[in-house]
């Protein structure tokens, strides 16, 4: 779609791009996937006393909060949340808040989409010197073309896609409305 704009006697063309979203998960399916992964966390970590859900902001943090709601009071363990912030294009600097004692804890890194594995790999960095019992990874959507040697432990939906395709979540009022591909 082209629009023309006249500024001080000059013509300028403004191009508007229409984004077509192909939904791969709707809201109900996304919530069922998260609930199933919460059950898998319970099954895999029966001996855990402390589980820390470290969500990669912004979408992984929201998912970690949803998982905490489902895991709370389901066993003899505590569930705590940490938020990981980083520039996903230049991920050398990784910040984690709040600081927690992770000695002997099960740490689960939570992200929305695993593309190349780069974000999850760099997100591991601040946890390596804190001696957790284990570090696991969870993603709602896993793409199959990894450049880094990381495979998620918990996957909601696995998808073979091209490198040119883009996958993201629709979030509205703190709720996951679905996952889409373009």
C-alpha atoms as a PDB file:
ATOM      1  CA  UNK A   1       0.000   0.000   0.000  1.00  0.00           C
ATOM      2  CA  UNK A   2       1.457   3.357  -0.962  1.00  0.00           C
ATOM      3  CA  UNK A   3       0.460   6.787   0.268  1.00  0.00           C
ATOM      4  CA  UNK A   4       1.752  10.047  -1.026  1.00  0.00           C
ATOM      5  CA  UNK A   5       2.706  12.958   1.177  1.00  0.00           C
ATOM      6  CA  UNK A   6       3.523  16.475   0.048  1.00  0.00           C
ATOM      7  CA  UNK A   7       6.081  18.216   2.259  1.00  0.00           C
ATOM      8  CA  UNK A   8       7.275  21.686   1.277  1.00  0.00           C
ATOM      9  CA  UNK A   9       6.509  20.984  -2.369  1.00  0.00           C
ATOM     10  CA  UNK A  10       8.277  17.597  -2.416  1.00  0.00           C
ATOM     11  CA  UNK A  11       6.550  14.284  -2.949  1.00  0.00           C
ATOM     12  CA  UNK A  12       7.383  11.438  -0.612  1.00  0.00           C
ATOM     13  CA  UNK A  13       6.107   7.897  -0.802  1.00  0.00           C
ATOM     14  CA  UNK A  14       5.158   6.218   2.448  1.00  0.00           C
ATOM     15  CA  UNK A  15       4.989   2.437   2.294  1.00  0.00           C
ATOM     16  CA  UNK A  16       2.831   0.608   4.810  1.00  0.00           C
ATOM     17  CA  UNK A  17       3.592  -3.065   5.353  1.00  0.00           C
ATOM     18  CA  UNK A  18       0.734  -5.380   6.207  1.00  0.00           C
ATOM     19  CA  UNK A  19       1.729  -8.136   8.619  1.00  0.00           C
ATOM     20  CA  UNK A  20      -0.046 -11.436   8.086  1.00  0.00           C
ATOM     21  CA  UNK A  21       0.082 -13.568  11.212  1.00  0.00           C
ATOM     22  CA  UNK A  22      -0.396 -17.310  10.865  1.00  0.00           C
ATOM     23  CA  UNK A  23      -1.294 -18.638  14.301  1.00  0.00           C
ATOM     24  CA  UNK A  24       0.444 -21.859  15.267  1.00  0.00           C
ATOM     25  CA  UNK A  25      -1.038 -21.922  18.794  1.00  0.00           C
ATOM     26  CA  UNK A  26      -4.215 -20.251  19.995  1.00  0.00           C
ATOM     27  CA  UNK A  27      -4.769 -19.094  23.587  1.00  0.00           C
ATOM     28  CA  UNK A  28      -6.282 -22.366  24.751  1.00  0.00           C
ATOM     29  CA  UNK A  29      -3.545 -24.463  23.163  1.00  0.00           C
ATOM     30  CA  UNK A  30      -0.771 -22.257  24.621  1.00  0.00           C
ATOM     31  CA  UNK A  31      -2.238 -22.577  28.125  1.00  0.00           C
ATOM     32  CA  UNK A  32      -2.597 -26.360  27.777  1.00  0.00           C
ATOM     33  CA  UNK A  33       1.053 -26.580  26.655  1.00  0.00           C
ATOM     34  CA  UNK A  34       2.182 -24.559  29.699  1.00  0.00           C
ATOM     35  CA  UNK A  35       0.108 -26.709  32.055  1.00  0.00           C
ATOM     36  CA  UNK A  36       1.531 -29.892  30.522  1.00  0.00           C
ATOM     37  CA  UNK A  37       5.085 -28.558  30.944  1.00  0.00           C
ATOM     38  CA  UNK A  38       4.297 -27.698  34.585  1.00  0.00           C
ATOM     39  CA  UNK A  39       3.285 -31.325  35.132  1.00  0.00           C
ATOM     40  CA  UNK A  40       6.497 -32.495  33.444  1.00  0.00           C
ATOM     41  CA  UNK A  41       8.492 -30.256  35.798  1.00  0.00           C
ATOM     42  CA  UNK A  42       6.756 -31.930  38.759  1.00  0.00           C
ATOM     43  CA  UNK A  43       7.409 -35.415  37.388  1.00  0.00           C
ATOM     44  CA  UNK A  44      11.072 -34.764  36.647  1.00  0.00           C
ATOM     45  CA  UNK A  45      11.928 -32.968  39.900  1.00  0.00           C
ATOM     46  CA  UNK A  46      10.285 -35.090  42.592  1.00  0.00           C
ATOM     47  CA  UNK A  47      13.237 -34.666  44.980  1.00  0.00           C
ATOM     48  CA  UNK A  48      13.563 -30.882  44.547  1.00  0.00           C
ATOM     49  CA  UNK A  49      13.240 -28.615  47.576  1.00  0.00           C
ATOM     50  CA  UNK A  50      13.503 -25.369  45.634  1.00  0.00           C
ATOM     51  CA  UNK A  51      12.624 -24.589  42.020  1.00  0.00           C
ATOM     52  CA  UNK A  52      13.635 -21.250  40.533  1.00  0.00           C
ATOM     53  CA  UNK A  53      11.873 -20.209  37.346  1.00  0.00           C
ATOM     54  CA  UNK A  54      14.176 -17.731  35.603  1.00  0.00           C
ATOM     55  CA  UNK A  55      12.163 -16.064  32.858  1.00  0.00           C
ATOM     56  CA  UNK A  56      13.870 -14.238  30.014  1.00  0.00           C
ATOM     57  CA  UNK A  57      12.099 -10.876  29.726  1.00  0.00           C
ATOM     58  CA  UNK A  58       9.608 -10.029  28.570  1.00  0.00           C
ATOM     59  CA  UNK A  59       7.672 -13.121  27.437  1.00  0.00           C
ATOM     60  CA  UNK A  60       9.667 -15.718  29.374  1.00  0.00           C
ATOM     61  CA  UNK A  61       9.007 -13.770  32.585  1.00  0.00           C
ATOM     62  CA  UNK A  62       5.268 -13.861  31.935  1.00  0.00           C
ATOM     63  CA  UNK A  63       5.431 -17.596  31.246  1.00  0.00           C
ATOM     64  CA  UNK A  64       7.450 -18.155  34.447  1.00  0.00           C
ATOM     65  CA  UNK A  65       4.705 -16.412  36.423  1.00  0.00           C
ATOM     66  CA  UNK A  66       2.046 -18.677  34.880  1.00  0.00           C
ATOM     67  CA  UNK A  67       4.132 -21.769  35.640  1.00  0.00           C
ATOM     68  CA  UNK A  68       4.619 -20.618  39.234  1.00  0.00           C
ATOM     69  CA  UNK A  69       0.822 -20.351  39.667  1.00  0.00           C
ATOM     70  CA  UNK A  70       0.400 -23.970  38.506  1.00  0.00           C
ATOM     71  CA  UNK A  71       3.368 -25.356  40.479  1.00  0.00           C
ATOM     72  CA  UNK A  72       2.673 -23.566  43.771  1.00  0.00           C
ATOM     73  CA  UNK A  73       1.348 -25.886  46.487  1.00  0.00           C
ATOM     74  CA  UNK A  74       1.752 -29.003  44.313  1.00  0.00           C
ATOM     75  CA  UNK A  75       4.635 -30.468  46.276  1.00  0.00           C
ATOM     76  CA  UNK A  76       7.009 -30.134  49.199  1.00  0.00           C
ATOM     77  CA  UNK A  77       9.137 -27.430  47.569  1.00  0.00           C
ATOM     78  CA  UNK A  78       9.225 -23.675  47.104  1.00  0.00           C
ATOM     79  CA  UNK A  79       8.894 -21.985  43.729  1.00  0.00           C
ATOM     80  CA  UNK A  80      10.619 -18.656  43.201  1.00  0.00           C
ATOM     81  CA  UNK A  81      10.841 -16.347  40.202  1.00  0.00           C
ATOM     82  CA  UNK A  82      13.784 -14.504  38.723  1.00  0.00           C
ATOM     83  CA  UNK A  83      13.731 -12.204  35.704  1.00  0.00           C
ATOM     84  CA  UNK A  84      16.555 -12.255  33.188  1.00  0.00           C
ATOM     85  CA  UNK A  85      17.078  -9.125  31.129  1.00  0.00           C
ATOM     86  CA  UNK A  86      19.410  -8.972  28.176  1.00  0.00           C
ATOM     87  CA  UNK A  87      19.745  -7.511  24.717  1.00  0.00           C
ATOM     88  CA  UNK A  88      18.972 -10.551  22.589  1.00  0.00           C
ATOM     89  CA  UNK A  89      20.960  -9.156  19.645  1.00  0.00           C
ATOM     90  CA  UNK A  90      24.064  -8.446  21.786  1.00  0.00           C
ATOM     91  CA  UNK A  91      23.611 -10.794  24.753  1.00  0.00           C
ATOM     92  CA  UNK A  92      26.991 -10.388  26.462  1.00  0.00           C
ATOM     93  CA  UNK A  93      25.479  -8.491  29.424  1.00  0.00           C
ATOM     94  CA  UNK A  94      22.888 -10.505  31.347  1.00  0.00           C
ATOM     95  CA  UNK A  95      21.130  -9.162  34.454  1.00  0.00           C
ATOM     96  CA  UNK A  96      19.143 -11.330  36.880  1.00  0.00           C
ATOM     97  CA  UNK A  97      16.793  -9.963  39.560  1.00  0.00           C
ATOM     98  CA  UNK A  98      16.217 -10.592  42.355  1.00  0.00           C
ATOM     99  CA  UNK A  99      19.431 -12.200  43.536  1.00  0.00           C
ATOM    100  CA  UNK A 100      18.669 -15.544  45.138  1.00  0.00           C
ATOM    101  CA  UNK A 101      20.678 -18.255  46.826  1.00  0.00           C
ATOM    102  CA  UNK A 102      20.655 -21.033  44.214  1.00  0.00           C
ATOM    103  CA  UNK A 103      22.755 -23.565  46.137  1.00  0.00           C
ATOM    104  CA  UNK A 104      21.072 -26.938  45.520  1.00  0.00           C
ATOM    105  CA  UNK A 105      18.111 -25.404  43.646  1.00  0.00           C
ATOM    106  CA  UNK A 106      16.635 -26.583  40.371  1.00  0.00           C
ATOM    107  CA  UNK A 107      16.877 -23.615  38.004  1.00  0.00           C
ATOM    108  CA  UNK A 108      14.623 -23.609  34.962  1.00  0.00           C
ATOM    109  CA  UNK A 109      15.361 -21.031  32.267  1.00  0.00           C
ATOM    110  CA  UNK A 110      12.070 -20.025  30.622  1.00  0.00           C
ATOM    111  CA  UNK A 111      11.784 -18.402  27.181  1.00  0.00           C
ATOM    112  CA  UNK A 112       9.038 -18.068  24.612  1.00  0.00           C
ATOM    113  CA  UNK A 113      10.776 -19.225  21.407  1.00  0.00           C
ATOM    114  CA  UNK A 114      14.059 -21.099  20.963  1.00  0.00           C
ATOM    115  CA  UNK A 115      15.510 -20.038  17.632  1.00  0.00           C
ATOM    116  CA  UNK A 116      19.244 -20.595  17.316  1.00  0.00           C
ATOM    117  CA  UNK A 117      19.813 -21.415  21.001  1.00  0.00           C
ATOM    118  CA  UNK A 118      21.907 -18.269  21.454  1.00  0.00           C
ATOM    119  CA  UNK A 119      19.658 -16.516  23.988  1.00  0.00           C
ATOM    120  CA  UNK A 120      19.362 -19.605  26.219  1.00  0.00           C
ATOM    121  CA  UNK A 121      23.112 -20.195  26.022  1.00  0.00           C
ATOM    122  CA  UNK A 122      23.972 -16.661  27.143  1.00  0.00           C
ATOM    123  CA  UNK A 123      21.213 -16.727  29.781  1.00  0.00           C
ATOM    124  CA  UNK A 124      23.005 -19.679  31.445  1.00  0.00           C
ATOM    125  CA  UNK A 125      26.060 -17.557  32.224  1.00  0.00           C
ATOM    126  CA  UNK A 126      25.009 -15.924  35.549  1.00  0.00           C
ATOM    127  CA  UNK A 127      23.870 -19.259  37.006  1.00  0.00           C
ATOM    128  CA  UNK A 128      26.985 -21.330  36.396  1.00  0.00           C
ATOM    129  CA  UNK A 129      28.962 -20.097  39.446  1.00  0.00           C
ATOM    130  CA  UNK A 130      26.068 -20.401  41.898  1.00  0.00           C
ATOM    131  CA  UNK A 131      26.101 -24.218  42.215  1.00  0.00           C
ATOM    132  CA  UNK A 132      22.472 -25.091  41.516  1.00  0.00           C
ATOM    133  CA  UNK A 133      21.474 -28.755  41.681  1.00  0.00           C
ATOM    134  CA  UNK A 134      20.541 -28.606  37.987  1.00  0.00           C
ATOM    135  CA  UNK A 135      19.779 -26.133  35.217  1.00  0.00           C
ATOM    136  CA  UNK A 136      16.962 -26.994  32.840  1.00  0.00           C
ATOM    137  CA  UNK A 137      15.406 -25.088  29.939  1.00  0.00           C
ATOM    138  CA  UNK A 138      11.790 -24.586  28.916  1.00  0.00           C
ATOM    139  CA  UNK A 139      10.344 -22.976  25.778  1.00  0.00           C
ATOM    140  CA  UNK A 140       6.822 -22.693  24.454  1.00  0.00           C
ATOM    141  CA  UNK A 141       7.961 -22.996  20.809  1.00  0.00           C
ATOM    142  CA  UNK A 142      11.144 -24.766  19.690  1.00  0.00           C
ATOM    143  CA  UNK A 143      12.481 -24.220  16.190  1.00  0.00           C
ATOM    144  CA  UNK A 144      14.666 -26.986  14.813  1.00  0.00           C
ATOM    145  CA  UNK A 145      17.650 -25.048  13.448  1.00  0.00           C
ATOM    146  CA  UNK A 146      20.103 -24.554  16.302  1.00  0.00           C
ATOM    147  CA  UNK A 147      23.458 -22.817  15.984  1.00  0.00           C
ATOM    148  CA  UNK A 148      24.347 -23.347  19.651  1.00  0.00           C
ATOM    149  CA  UNK A 149      24.526 -26.732  21.420  1.00  0.00           C
ATOM    150  CA  UNK A 150      21.425 -26.354  23.567  1.00  0.00           C
ATOM    151  CA  UNK A 151      18.264 -28.424  23.483  1.00  0.00           C
ATOM    152  CA  UNK A 152      15.289 -27.417  25.646  1.00  0.00           C
ATOM    153  CA  UNK A 153      14.271 -29.899  28.333  1.00  0.00           C
ATOM    154  CA  UNK A 154      10.600 -28.898  28.148  1.00  0.00           C
ATOM    155  CA  UNK A 155       8.988 -27.975  24.831  1.00  0.00           C
ATOM    156  CA  UNK A 156       5.399 -26.939  24.289  1.00  0.00           C
ATOM    157  CA  UNK A 157       5.438 -27.078  20.501  1.00  0.00           C
ATOM    158  CA  UNK A 158       8.254 -28.053  18.132  1.00  0.00           C
ATOM    159  CA  UNK A 159       8.251 -26.580  14.643  1.00  0.00           C
ATOM    160  CA  UNK A 160      10.418 -26.935  11.563  1.00  0.00           C
ATOM    161  CA  UNK A 161      10.605 -23.509   9.936  1.00  0.00           C
ATOM    162  CA  UNK A 162      12.836 -21.575   7.598  1.00  0.00           C
ATOM    163  CA  UNK A 163      15.393 -19.057   8.850  1.00  0.00           C
ATOM    164  CA  UNK A 164      13.372 -16.266   7.220  1.00  0.00           C
ATOM    165  CA  UNK A 165      10.219 -17.031   9.188  1.00  0.00           C
ATOM    166  CA  UNK A 166       9.584 -15.132  12.412  1.00  0.00           C
ATOM    167  CA  UNK A 167       7.757 -16.551  15.444  1.00  0.00           C
ATOM    168  CA  UNK A 168       6.407 -14.511  18.349  1.00  0.00           C
ATOM    169  CA  UNK A 169       3.748 -14.542  21.051  1.00  0.00           C
ATOM    170  CA  UNK A 170       0.706 -12.300  21.253  1.00  0.00           C
ATOM    171  CA  UNK A 171       0.449 -10.959  24.792  1.00  0.00           C
ATOM    172  CA  UNK A 172      -2.503  -8.875  25.934  1.00  0.00           C
ATOM    173  CA  UNK A 173      -3.197  -7.718  29.498  1.00  0.00           C
ATOM    174  CA  UNK A 174      -0.688 -10.208  30.907  1.00  0.00           C
ATOM    175  CA  UNK A 175      -2.235 -13.169  29.067  1.00  0.00           C
ATOM    176  CA  UNK A 176      -0.793 -15.245  26.251  1.00  0.00           C
ATOM    177  CA  UNK A 177      -3.260 -14.938  23.370  1.00  0.00           C
ATOM    178  CA  UNK A 178      -1.343 -17.267  21.065  1.00  0.00           C
ATOM    179  CA  UNK A 179       1.847 -17.893  19.098  1.00  0.00           C
ATOM    180  CA  UNK A 180       2.134 -16.815  15.484  1.00  0.00           C
ATOM    181  CA  UNK A 181       4.498 -17.143  12.561  1.00  0.00           C
ATOM    182  CA  UNK A 182       5.192 -14.760   9.720  1.00  0.00           C
END
